[in-house]
Protein backbone atom coordinates (compact mmCIF):
# COMPACT_ATOMS: atom_id res chain seq x y z
CA MET A 1 -80.29 -10.51 -77.18
CA SER A 2 -82.08 -13.93 -77.17
CA GLY A 3 -82.30 -16.07 -73.87
CA SER A 4 -81.95 -15.09 -70.48
CA GLU A 5 -79.62 -12.22 -69.45
CA THR A 6 -77.84 -14.64 -67.08
CA ASP A 7 -77.31 -17.36 -69.83
CA PRO A 8 -73.52 -17.86 -70.13
CA ALA A 9 -73.08 -15.37 -73.17
CA ARG A 10 -69.62 -14.17 -74.27
CA VAL A 11 -68.19 -11.24 -72.52
CA ALA A 12 -65.39 -8.91 -73.67
CA VAL A 13 -63.69 -7.03 -70.80
CA VAL A 14 -61.56 -4.11 -72.28
CA GLY A 15 -58.94 -3.12 -69.76
CA PRO A 16 -57.33 -5.87 -67.59
CA GLY A 17 -56.52 -3.56 -64.83
CA ALA A 18 -57.60 -4.26 -61.13
CA VAL A 19 -61.34 -3.53 -61.88
CA GLY A 20 -61.29 -5.38 -65.15
CA LEU A 21 -59.58 -8.52 -63.80
CA ALA A 22 -62.04 -8.63 -60.67
CA LEU A 23 -65.12 -8.18 -63.12
CA ALA A 24 -63.58 -10.93 -65.56
CA ALA A 25 -63.01 -13.28 -62.82
CA GLY A 26 -66.47 -12.97 -61.38
CA LEU A 27 -68.23 -13.35 -64.63
CA ALA A 28 -66.02 -16.33 -65.69
CA ALA A 29 -66.69 -18.16 -62.32
CA GLN A 30 -70.45 -17.89 -63.37
CA GLY A 31 -69.61 -19.93 -66.59
CA HIS A 32 -69.34 -16.97 -69.03
CA PRO A 33 -66.74 -17.35 -71.49
CA VAL A 34 -64.73 -14.05 -70.90
CA THR A 35 -62.15 -12.44 -73.29
CA LEU A 36 -59.76 -9.90 -71.80
CA CYS A 37 -58.67 -7.23 -74.35
CA GLY A 38 -55.43 -5.60 -73.66
CA ARG A 39 -52.50 -3.57 -75.29
CA THR A 40 -50.86 -5.03 -78.35
CA GLY A 41 -47.58 -6.89 -77.26
CA THR A 42 -48.44 -7.37 -73.62
CA PRO A 43 -47.89 -10.75 -72.21
CA PRO A 44 -51.12 -12.85 -72.47
CA ILE A 45 -53.24 -13.46 -69.32
CA SER A 46 -54.79 -16.97 -69.43
CA ALA A 47 -56.36 -17.24 -65.96
CA VAL A 48 -57.42 -14.77 -63.23
CA THR A 49 -56.95 -15.40 -59.55
CA THR A 50 -58.87 -13.30 -57.26
CA SER A 51 -58.73 -13.22 -53.35
CA GLY A 52 -61.19 -11.62 -50.82
CA GLU A 53 -63.23 -12.24 -47.93
CA HIS A 54 -64.51 -15.68 -49.41
CA GLY A 55 -60.81 -16.89 -50.05
CA SER A 56 -59.17 -17.30 -53.57
CA ARG A 57 -60.31 -18.67 -56.73
CA THR A 58 -58.60 -19.03 -60.18
CA VAL A 59 -60.73 -19.07 -63.43
CA ASP A 60 -59.67 -19.34 -66.93
CA VAL A 61 -60.02 -16.51 -69.60
CA GLU A 62 -59.32 -15.92 -73.18
CA TRP A 63 -56.83 -13.09 -74.35
CA CYS A 64 -56.95 -10.81 -77.18
CA ASP A 65 -54.40 -7.90 -77.88
CA ASP A 66 -55.33 -6.99 -81.28
CA PRO A 67 -58.52 -4.96 -82.05
CA GLU A 68 -58.13 -5.55 -85.72
CA GLY A 69 -58.94 -9.33 -85.21
CA ALA A 70 -61.96 -8.72 -82.82
CA SER A 71 -65.78 -9.02 -83.72
CA PRO A 72 -68.83 -8.10 -81.86
CA PHE A 73 -69.84 -9.63 -78.50
CA PRO A 74 -73.24 -9.59 -76.94
CA TRP A 75 -71.61 -7.97 -73.89
CA VAL A 76 -68.58 -5.51 -73.63
CA ILE A 77 -67.46 -4.15 -70.34
CA VAL A 78 -65.19 -1.12 -70.47
CA ALA A 79 -62.88 -1.00 -67.42
CA THR A 80 -59.96 1.21 -68.81
CA LYS A 81 -58.56 4.47 -67.16
CA LEU A 82 -60.23 7.57 -68.48
CA HIS A 83 -57.16 8.63 -70.17
CA GLN A 84 -56.95 5.56 -72.27
CA GLY A 85 -59.50 6.86 -74.53
CA GLU A 86 -57.81 6.17 -77.97
CA ALA A 87 -57.06 2.52 -77.08
CA THR A 88 -60.73 2.10 -75.82
CA ARG A 89 -62.10 3.54 -79.06
CA ALA A 90 -60.21 1.08 -81.07
CA TRP A 91 -61.71 -1.84 -79.19
CA LEU A 92 -65.19 -0.37 -79.18
CA GLU A 93 -65.02 -0.02 -83.21
CA ARG A 94 -64.70 -3.84 -83.39
CA LEU A 95 -66.42 -5.17 -80.38
CA VAL A 96 -69.75 -3.33 -80.52
CA GLY A 97 -72.44 -4.59 -82.84
CA ARG A 98 -76.12 -3.72 -83.16
CA ASP A 99 -77.22 -5.94 -80.29
CA THR A 100 -74.38 -5.42 -77.83
CA LEU A 101 -74.96 -4.06 -74.39
CA VAL A 102 -71.96 -1.80 -73.18
CA VAL A 103 -71.28 -1.83 -69.31
CA VAL A 104 -69.11 1.29 -68.75
CA ALA A 105 -67.34 0.52 -65.28
CA GLN A 106 -65.22 3.66 -65.19
CA ASN A 107 -64.89 6.84 -63.12
CA GLY A 108 -66.53 10.18 -63.74
CA VAL A 109 -70.09 11.39 -64.84
CA GLU A 110 -69.54 11.08 -68.55
CA HIS A 111 -70.15 7.44 -69.29
CA ARG A 112 -72.61 7.72 -71.87
CA GLU A 113 -70.70 10.58 -73.66
CA ARG A 114 -67.62 8.45 -73.96
CA ILE A 115 -69.43 5.62 -75.54
CA ALA A 116 -71.88 7.59 -77.71
CA PRO A 117 -69.74 7.47 -81.02
CA HIS A 118 -69.98 3.58 -80.86
CA SER A 119 -73.55 2.98 -79.77
CA SER A 120 -76.97 4.03 -79.21
CA PRO A 121 -78.37 5.36 -75.77
CA GLY A 122 -79.98 2.19 -75.18
CA GLN A 123 -76.96 0.08 -75.41
CA VAL A 124 -75.02 1.76 -72.73
CA ALA A 125 -75.29 0.95 -69.02
CA PRO A 126 -73.03 3.11 -66.73
CA VAL A 127 -71.78 1.42 -63.62
CA LEU A 128 -70.37 2.97 -60.56
CA VAL A 129 -67.44 0.78 -58.97
CA HIS A 130 -67.41 0.96 -55.18
CA PHE A 131 -65.37 -2.13 -54.42
CA ASN A 132 -61.90 -1.70 -53.79
CA ALA A 133 -59.47 -3.71 -56.06
CA GLU A 134 -55.65 -4.06 -56.12
CA ARG A 135 -53.83 -5.87 -58.74
CA HIS A 136 -50.93 -8.11 -57.84
CA GLU A 137 -48.81 -9.09 -60.64
CA ARG A 138 -50.57 -9.37 -64.01
CA ASP A 139 -53.03 -12.03 -63.19
CA ARG A 140 -53.95 -11.65 -59.60
CA VAL A 141 -56.39 -9.16 -58.08
CA GLU A 142 -57.39 -8.73 -54.39
CA VAL A 143 -60.92 -7.39 -53.84
CA ARG A 144 -62.50 -5.82 -50.73
CA ARG A 145 -65.68 -4.23 -50.43
CA GLU A 146 -68.46 -3.03 -47.82
CA GLY A 147 -72.11 -3.12 -49.09
CA PRO A 148 -72.73 -3.10 -52.83
CA GLY A 149 -69.55 -2.96 -54.89
CA LEU A 150 -71.49 -1.81 -58.06
CA LEU A 151 -74.33 0.60 -58.68
CA VAL A 152 -76.35 0.68 -61.96
CA GLY A 153 -79.22 2.84 -62.88
CA ASP A 154 -82.70 1.67 -62.70
CA ASP A 155 -83.50 1.83 -66.42
CA VAL A 156 -83.65 -0.88 -69.24
CA PRO A 157 -79.91 -1.01 -69.97
CA GLY A 158 -79.05 -0.80 -66.09
CA ARG A 159 -81.48 -3.64 -65.39
CA ARG A 160 -79.88 -5.90 -68.09
CA ALA A 161 -76.40 -5.18 -66.60
CA LEU A 162 -77.88 -5.96 -63.27
CA ALA A 163 -78.90 -9.39 -64.41
CA LEU A 164 -75.32 -10.01 -65.62
CA LEU A 165 -73.18 -8.68 -62.85
CA ASP A 166 -75.68 -9.88 -60.11
CA ARG A 167 -74.11 -13.24 -59.29
CA THR A 168 -70.52 -12.17 -59.57
CA GLY A 169 -69.88 -11.88 -55.91
CA LEU A 170 -69.06 -8.21 -56.17
CA GLY A 171 -72.65 -6.96 -55.05
CA VAL A 172 -74.70 -4.96 -57.27
CA ARG A 173 -77.72 -2.71 -56.69
CA ALA A 174 -79.96 -0.51 -59.07
CA VAL A 175 -80.53 2.97 -58.11
CA ALA A 176 -83.31 5.25 -59.28
CA ASP A 177 -81.20 8.47 -59.06
CA PHE A 178 -78.11 7.45 -60.91
CA THR A 179 -77.01 11.19 -61.40
CA THR A 180 -76.90 11.89 -57.61
CA GLU A 181 -74.96 8.71 -57.01
CA ALA A 182 -72.46 9.52 -59.73
CA TRP A 183 -71.83 13.14 -58.48
CA ARG A 184 -71.64 11.85 -54.84
CA LYS A 185 -68.81 9.63 -55.88
CA LEU A 186 -67.09 12.17 -57.95
CA MET A 187 -67.07 14.77 -55.18
CA ALA A 188 -64.46 12.49 -53.51
CA ASN A 189 -62.62 11.35 -56.45
CA ALA A 190 -62.27 14.91 -58.00
CA VAL A 191 -60.81 16.24 -54.79
CA ALA A 192 -58.86 13.34 -53.01
CA ASN A 193 -57.23 12.26 -56.11
CA PRO A 194 -55.61 15.31 -57.13
CA ILE A 195 -54.69 16.42 -53.60
CA THR A 196 -52.94 13.34 -52.82
CA ALA A 197 -51.03 13.11 -56.10
CA LEU A 198 -50.02 16.87 -55.80
CA THR A 199 -48.66 16.33 -52.32
CA CYS A 200 -47.38 12.90 -52.70
CA ARG A 201 -49.17 12.00 -49.44
CA GLY A 202 -51.92 9.80 -48.26
CA VAL A 203 -55.39 11.01 -46.85
CA GLU A 204 -53.57 11.99 -43.61
CA VAL A 205 -52.81 15.17 -45.54
CA PHE A 206 -56.38 16.17 -45.40
CA GLY A 207 -55.58 16.73 -41.53
CA ASP A 208 -53.52 19.74 -42.36
CA PRO A 209 -55.77 22.99 -41.80
CA GLU A 210 -54.47 24.60 -45.10
CA VAL A 211 -55.20 21.52 -47.10
CA ARG A 212 -58.40 21.00 -45.60
CA GLY A 213 -59.51 24.38 -46.35
CA LEU A 214 -58.49 23.98 -49.90
CA ALA A 215 -60.63 20.60 -50.16
CA ALA A 216 -63.45 22.22 -48.52
CA ALA A 217 -63.45 25.19 -51.10
CA MET A 218 -63.08 22.56 -54.02
CA LEU A 219 -65.96 20.44 -52.70
CA ALA A 220 -68.27 23.39 -52.53
CA GLU A 221 -67.60 24.20 -56.04
CA VAL A 222 -68.11 20.55 -57.20
CA ALA A 223 -71.39 20.55 -55.23
CA GLU A 224 -72.51 23.73 -56.97
CA VAL A 225 -71.85 22.12 -60.35
CA ALA A 226 -73.52 18.76 -59.43
CA ARG A 227 -76.66 20.51 -58.27
CA ALA A 228 -76.75 22.47 -61.56
CA GLU A 229 -76.52 19.21 -63.26
CA GLY A 230 -79.44 17.65 -61.41
CA ALA A 231 -77.77 15.98 -58.65
CA ARG A 232 -79.83 15.89 -55.31
CA LEU A 233 -76.93 16.40 -52.84
CA PRO A 234 -77.74 17.37 -49.21
CA ALA A 235 -76.85 20.66 -47.65
CA ASP A 236 -74.07 18.99 -45.76
CA ALA A 237 -72.47 17.34 -48.82
CA VAL A 238 -69.19 18.93 -48.20
CA ASP A 239 -68.89 17.69 -44.66
CA ASP A 240 -70.03 14.38 -45.60
CA THR A 241 -67.32 13.92 -48.08
CA LEU A 242 -64.65 15.05 -45.82
CA ALA A 243 -65.90 12.77 -43.04
CA TRP A 244 -65.73 9.92 -45.60
CA ILE A 245 -62.08 10.89 -46.30
CA ASP A 246 -61.28 11.02 -42.95
CA ALA A 247 -62.65 7.45 -42.28
CA ARG A 248 -60.03 6.09 -44.84
CA PRO A 249 -57.63 3.71 -43.18
CA ALA A 250 -54.32 5.16 -41.89
CA GLY A 251 -51.75 5.55 -44.94
CA ALA A 252 -54.34 5.04 -47.58
CA GLY A 253 -53.78 6.85 -50.91
CA SER A 254 -55.43 7.14 -54.08
CA SER A 255 -55.39 5.72 -57.54
CA MET A 256 -54.01 9.04 -58.83
CA LEU A 257 -51.07 9.05 -56.24
CA ALA A 258 -50.32 5.48 -57.15
CA ASP A 259 -50.11 6.50 -60.79
CA ARG A 260 -47.79 9.32 -60.14
CA LEU A 261 -45.41 7.35 -57.91
CA ALA A 262 -45.18 4.65 -60.65
CA GLY A 263 -44.60 7.47 -63.42
CA ARG A 264 -47.84 6.58 -65.03
CA PRO A 265 -50.37 9.00 -66.77
CA LEU A 266 -52.78 10.70 -64.36
CA GLU A 267 -56.61 10.22 -64.69
CA TYR A 268 -57.35 13.83 -64.06
CA ASP A 269 -59.21 15.04 -67.03
CA GLY A 270 -62.28 12.61 -66.53
CA LEU A 271 -62.41 13.62 -62.71
CA LEU A 272 -61.64 17.14 -62.09
CA GLY A 273 -61.62 18.18 -65.75
CA ALA A 274 -65.12 16.94 -65.98
CA VAL A 275 -66.11 19.10 -63.14
CA VAL A 276 -64.60 22.15 -64.76
CA ARG A 277 -66.12 21.59 -68.10
CA ARG A 278 -69.50 21.10 -66.61
CA ALA A 279 -68.98 24.31 -64.55
CA ARG A 280 -68.19 26.32 -67.67
CA ALA A 281 -71.40 24.86 -69.30
CA HIS A 282 -73.39 26.57 -66.53
CA GLY A 283 -71.36 29.82 -66.56
CA ASN A 284 -69.39 28.89 -63.46
CA THR A 285 -65.93 29.64 -63.52
CA ALA A 286 -65.11 27.12 -60.39
CA PRO A 287 -61.85 29.12 -59.53
CA THR A 288 -60.46 26.59 -57.00
CA CYS A 289 -61.07 23.50 -59.14
CA THR A 290 -59.75 25.20 -62.26
CA GLY A 291 -56.61 26.29 -60.33
CA VAL A 292 -55.83 22.76 -59.12
CA LEU A 293 -56.66 21.14 -62.45
CA ALA A 294 -53.80 23.34 -63.95
CA LEU A 295 -51.36 22.06 -61.30
CA VAL A 296 -52.36 18.47 -61.95
CA ALA A 297 -52.13 18.88 -65.83
CA ALA A 298 -48.64 20.43 -65.40
CA LEU A 299 -47.61 17.37 -63.06
CA ASP A 300 -48.82 15.00 -65.63
CA GLY A 301 -46.83 16.81 -68.37
CA ALA A 302 -43.70 16.46 -66.18
CA LEU A 303 -44.44 12.85 -65.77
CA ALA A 304 -44.69 12.28 -69.63
CA ARG A 305 -41.54 13.97 -70.20
CA GLN A 306 -39.76 11.77 -67.73
CA ARG A 307 -41.18 8.78 -69.70
CA GLN A 308 -39.54 9.88 -72.73
């Protein structure tokens, strides 16, 4: 790419959910022409309003709901849910060119694998999203964070993404051991999300002794898989994750619980499903995670039937 990485180059943001809107607003506020890419037939978004610790601001964006009419962008940010793979692929087929950098702001640990059919390894920058974003209506998002809101790998694509995201106000930091950070986040997501969705309760459910025992067993399996994948987790990783869950605000839920309550598809395959897939690749049965995965898949199937 010619010029400075912080020059106001065009950015396409695929997925106008809470994370996508927050990233789009931060980049547009820095002068980048931003195009939001959403589902065909949905009402267009012409401006995004963000609120947070520094007040509110509204920025203009472009809108596109037809992948067939799109062309390559210098920058593409993927902020869709993991179960929206088919729609994401349709956009990537049109938006990614030879010189495009794809910033993958999604959950899980399979960022590069999901984008591989549409790019070369040097074009993909996985990003871990640690800020909390809540969308209000279609075009308003509230952002809260403590410390860096985004983590990128300390490699060539990651440093390019860092230069782009550094001035968004969301807080970004490069980490040398991205694998460990990704699995550390997945430990919490792969356990807290399914359990809250299955019980229809917030994080207070982890105070129940039986549920806490189940969570501890799942976390131990996730940690074993993570270490087999090269993550450098401490010996007390299970206790650390439970302590993090305990520290969540009273009444806090999870994105999967919110999706269940709204009758939306559940983002389980890229979270707990990724753990089970990686476990099997290492000859590990991960029985507790496998059992909970089956229950969440059945719940998702029931929700799908209700939507028909």
